[in-house]
């Protein structure tokens, strides 16, 4: 599936944000602690979700339960 279709793709599952304490990047603007997000795609290291900006973003799996 092309990354261009992820916003309209069906949700794979839902995850809950457990923290937004990033060492290198600012993710507190787009992730909310305790909020449930729709997963659109997943790799070994990253989860691609529809974040607070309304766009699909890739985040480390360590941020989610």
N, C-alpha and C. Protein backbone atom coordinates (compact mmCIF):
# COMPACT_ATOMS: atom_id res chain seq x y z
N UNK A 1 0.84 -1.16 0.00
CA UNK A 1 0.00 0.00 0.00
C UNK A 1 0.90 1.25 0.00
N UNK A 2 0.56 2.19 -0.82
CA UNK A 2 1.32 3.43 -0.90
C UNK A 2 1.05 4.32 0.30
N UNK A 3 2.06 5.04 0.75
CA UNK A 3 1.91 5.92 1.90
C UNK A 3 0.90 7.03 1.63
N UNK A 4 0.62 7.32 0.38
CA UNK A 4 -0.36 8.36 0.03
C UNK A 4 -1.78 7.95 0.38
N UNK A 5 -2.03 6.65 0.52
CA UNK A 5 -3.37 6.14 0.81
C UNK A 5 -3.60 5.88 2.29
N UNK A 6 -2.62 6.14 3.14
CA UNK A 6 -2.75 5.80 4.56
C UNK A 6 -3.84 6.58 5.27
N UNK A 7 -4.11 7.82 4.89
CA UNK A 7 -5.13 8.61 5.60
C UNK A 7 -6.52 8.04 5.37
N UNK A 8 -6.76 7.44 4.21
CA UNK A 8 -8.08 6.88 3.92
C UNK A 8 -8.14 5.37 4.14
N UNK A 9 -7.02 4.75 4.46
CA UNK A 9 -6.96 3.30 4.67
C UNK A 9 -7.70 2.92 5.95
N UNK A 10 -8.21 1.71 6.02
CA UNK A 10 -8.86 1.27 7.27
C UNK A 10 -7.86 1.17 8.41
N UNK A 11 -8.35 1.37 9.60
CA UNK A 11 -7.50 1.32 10.79
C UNK A 11 -7.13 -0.13 11.10
N UNK A 12 -5.84 -0.38 11.33
CA UNK A 12 -5.35 -1.73 11.66
C UNK A 12 -5.73 -2.07 13.10
N UNK A 13 -5.44 -1.15 14.01
CA UNK A 13 -5.77 -1.30 15.42
C UNK A 13 -5.66 0.06 16.08
N UNK A 14 -5.92 0.13 17.35
CA UNK A 14 -5.81 1.38 18.10
C UNK A 14 -4.75 1.22 19.18
N UNK A 15 -4.01 2.30 19.44
CA UNK A 15 -2.98 2.32 20.48
C UNK A 15 -3.20 3.54 21.35
N UNK A 16 -2.70 3.46 22.59
CA UNK A 16 -2.81 4.56 23.54
C UNK A 16 -1.42 5.11 23.80
N UNK A 17 -1.29 6.43 23.79
CA UNK A 17 -0.01 7.09 24.05
C UNK A 17 0.31 6.99 25.53
N UNK A 18 1.47 6.40 25.86
CA UNK A 18 1.83 6.25 27.27
C UNK A 18 2.82 7.31 27.73
N UNK A 19 3.56 7.94 26.79
CA UNK A 19 4.43 9.07 27.14
C UNK A 19 4.80 9.82 25.87
N UNK A 20 5.24 11.05 26.04
CA UNK A 20 5.69 11.87 24.91
C UNK A 20 7.01 12.53 25.25
N UNK A 21 7.83 11.82 26.02
CA UNK A 21 9.14 12.33 26.43
C UNK A 21 10.20 11.89 25.43
N UNK A 22 10.37 12.67 24.38
CA UNK A 22 11.35 12.33 23.35
C UNK A 22 12.70 12.94 23.70
N UNK A 23 13.76 12.20 23.44
CA UNK A 23 15.11 12.69 23.70
C UNK A 23 15.55 13.70 22.64
N UNK A 24 15.19 13.45 21.41
CA UNK A 24 15.74 14.23 20.31
C UNK A 24 14.72 15.14 19.63
N UNK A 25 13.46 14.76 19.59
CA UNK A 25 12.45 15.50 18.84
C UNK A 25 11.35 16.00 19.77
N UNK A 26 10.61 17.00 19.33
CA UNK A 26 9.47 17.51 20.09
C UNK A 26 8.22 16.82 19.57
N UNK A 27 7.66 15.92 20.36
CA UNK A 27 6.45 15.22 19.94
C UNK A 27 5.25 15.61 20.80
N UNK A 28 5.46 16.45 21.80
CA UNK A 28 4.35 16.85 22.67
C UNK A 28 3.33 17.71 21.94
N UNK A 29 3.70 18.29 20.81
CA UNK A 29 2.76 19.09 20.03
C UNK A 29 1.77 18.23 19.25
N UNK A 30 2.12 16.99 18.97
CA UNK A 30 1.27 16.14 18.14
C UNK A 30 0.79 14.88 18.83
N UNK A 31 1.29 14.58 20.02
CA UNK A 31 0.83 13.42 20.79
C UNK A 31 0.32 13.89 22.15
N UNK A 32 -0.78 13.30 22.59
CA UNK A 32 -1.36 13.62 23.89
C UNK A 32 -1.32 12.38 24.77
N UNK A 33 -0.81 12.54 25.97
CA UNK A 33 -0.71 11.44 26.91
C UNK A 33 -2.09 10.87 27.21
N UNK A 34 -2.25 9.55 27.07
CA UNK A 34 -3.51 8.88 27.37
C UNK A 34 -4.51 8.86 26.23
N UNK A 35 -4.24 9.54 25.14
CA UNK A 35 -5.18 9.56 24.01
C UNK A 35 -5.01 8.32 23.14
N UNK A 36 -6.11 7.86 22.57
CA UNK A 36 -6.11 6.69 21.71
C UNK A 36 -5.97 7.13 20.26
N UNK A 37 -5.08 6.47 19.51
CA UNK A 37 -4.81 6.82 18.12
C UNK A 37 -5.06 5.63 17.21
N UNK A 38 -5.45 5.92 15.95
CA UNK A 38 -5.67 4.90 14.94
C UNK A 38 -4.36 4.57 14.24
N UNK A 39 -4.01 3.29 14.20
CA UNK A 39 -2.80 2.84 13.52
C UNK A 39 -3.13 2.58 12.06
N UNK A 40 -2.38 3.21 11.17
CA UNK A 40 -2.59 3.04 9.73
C UNK A 40 -1.58 2.10 9.10
N UNK A 41 -0.37 2.03 9.67
CA UNK A 41 0.65 1.11 9.18
C UNK A 41 1.65 0.88 10.30
N UNK A 42 2.44 -0.18 10.17
CA UNK A 42 3.36 -0.54 11.25
C UNK A 42 4.58 -1.24 10.67
N UNK A 43 5.75 -0.95 11.26
CA UNK A 43 6.98 -1.65 10.92
C UNK A 43 7.54 -2.22 12.22
N UNK A 44 8.75 -2.78 12.15
CA UNK A 44 9.37 -3.33 13.36
C UNK A 44 9.62 -2.26 14.41
N UNK A 45 10.00 -1.07 13.98
CA UNK A 45 10.42 -0.02 14.90
C UNK A 45 9.41 1.12 15.05
N UNK A 46 8.58 1.34 14.02
CA UNK A 46 7.70 2.50 14.00
C UNK A 46 6.23 2.13 13.88
N UNK A 47 5.38 3.02 14.38
CA UNK A 47 3.94 2.95 14.18
C UNK A 47 3.53 4.22 13.47
N UNK A 48 2.75 4.10 12.42
CA UNK A 48 2.26 5.25 11.68
C UNK A 48 0.81 5.49 12.07
N UNK A 49 0.55 6.64 12.69
CA UNK A 49 -0.78 6.96 13.22
C UNK A 49 -1.27 8.29 12.68
N UNK A 50 -2.57 8.53 12.82
CA UNK A 50 -3.13 9.84 12.56
C UNK A 50 -3.00 10.61 13.87
N UNK A 51 -2.09 11.60 13.90
CA UNK A 51 -1.80 12.31 15.14
C UNK A 51 -2.73 13.52 15.32
N UNK A 52 -2.42 14.37 16.29
CA UNK A 52 -3.27 15.51 16.62
C UNK A 52 -3.35 16.55 15.50
N UNK A 53 -2.40 16.55 14.58
CA UNK A 53 -2.43 17.48 13.46
C UNK A 53 -3.40 17.03 12.36
N UNK A 54 -3.88 15.78 12.46
CA UNK A 54 -4.78 15.24 11.45
C UNK A 54 -4.05 14.56 10.31
N UNK A 55 -2.75 14.52 10.38
CA UNK A 55 -1.94 13.89 9.34
C UNK A 55 -1.33 12.60 9.87
N UNK A 56 -0.88 11.74 8.96
CA UNK A 56 -0.23 10.50 9.36
C UNK A 56 1.22 10.79 9.68
N UNK A 57 1.67 10.35 10.85
CA UNK A 57 3.06 10.52 11.26
C UNK A 57 3.61 9.22 11.78
N UNK A 58 4.91 9.04 11.66
CA UNK A 58 5.58 7.84 12.14
C UNK A 58 6.27 8.11 13.46
N UNK A 59 6.03 7.25 14.44
CA UNK A 59 6.58 7.41 15.79
C UNK A 59 7.14 6.08 16.27
N UNK A 60 8.13 6.17 17.16
CA UNK A 60 8.67 4.95 17.76
C UNK A 60 7.57 4.22 18.54
N UNK A 61 7.63 2.91 18.56
CA UNK A 61 6.64 2.11 19.28
C UNK A 61 6.71 2.32 20.78
N UNK A 62 7.82 2.84 21.28
CA UNK A 62 7.97 3.03 22.72
C UNK A 62 7.01 4.07 23.29
N UNK A 63 6.43 4.92 22.44
CA UNK A 63 5.49 5.93 22.91
C UNK A 63 4.10 5.36 23.20
N UNK A 64 3.83 4.14 22.77
CA UNK A 64 2.47 3.58 22.82
C UNK A 64 2.39 2.27 23.56
N UNK A 65 1.19 1.98 24.05
CA UNK A 65 0.90 0.69 24.71
C UNK A 65 0.25 -0.23 23.69
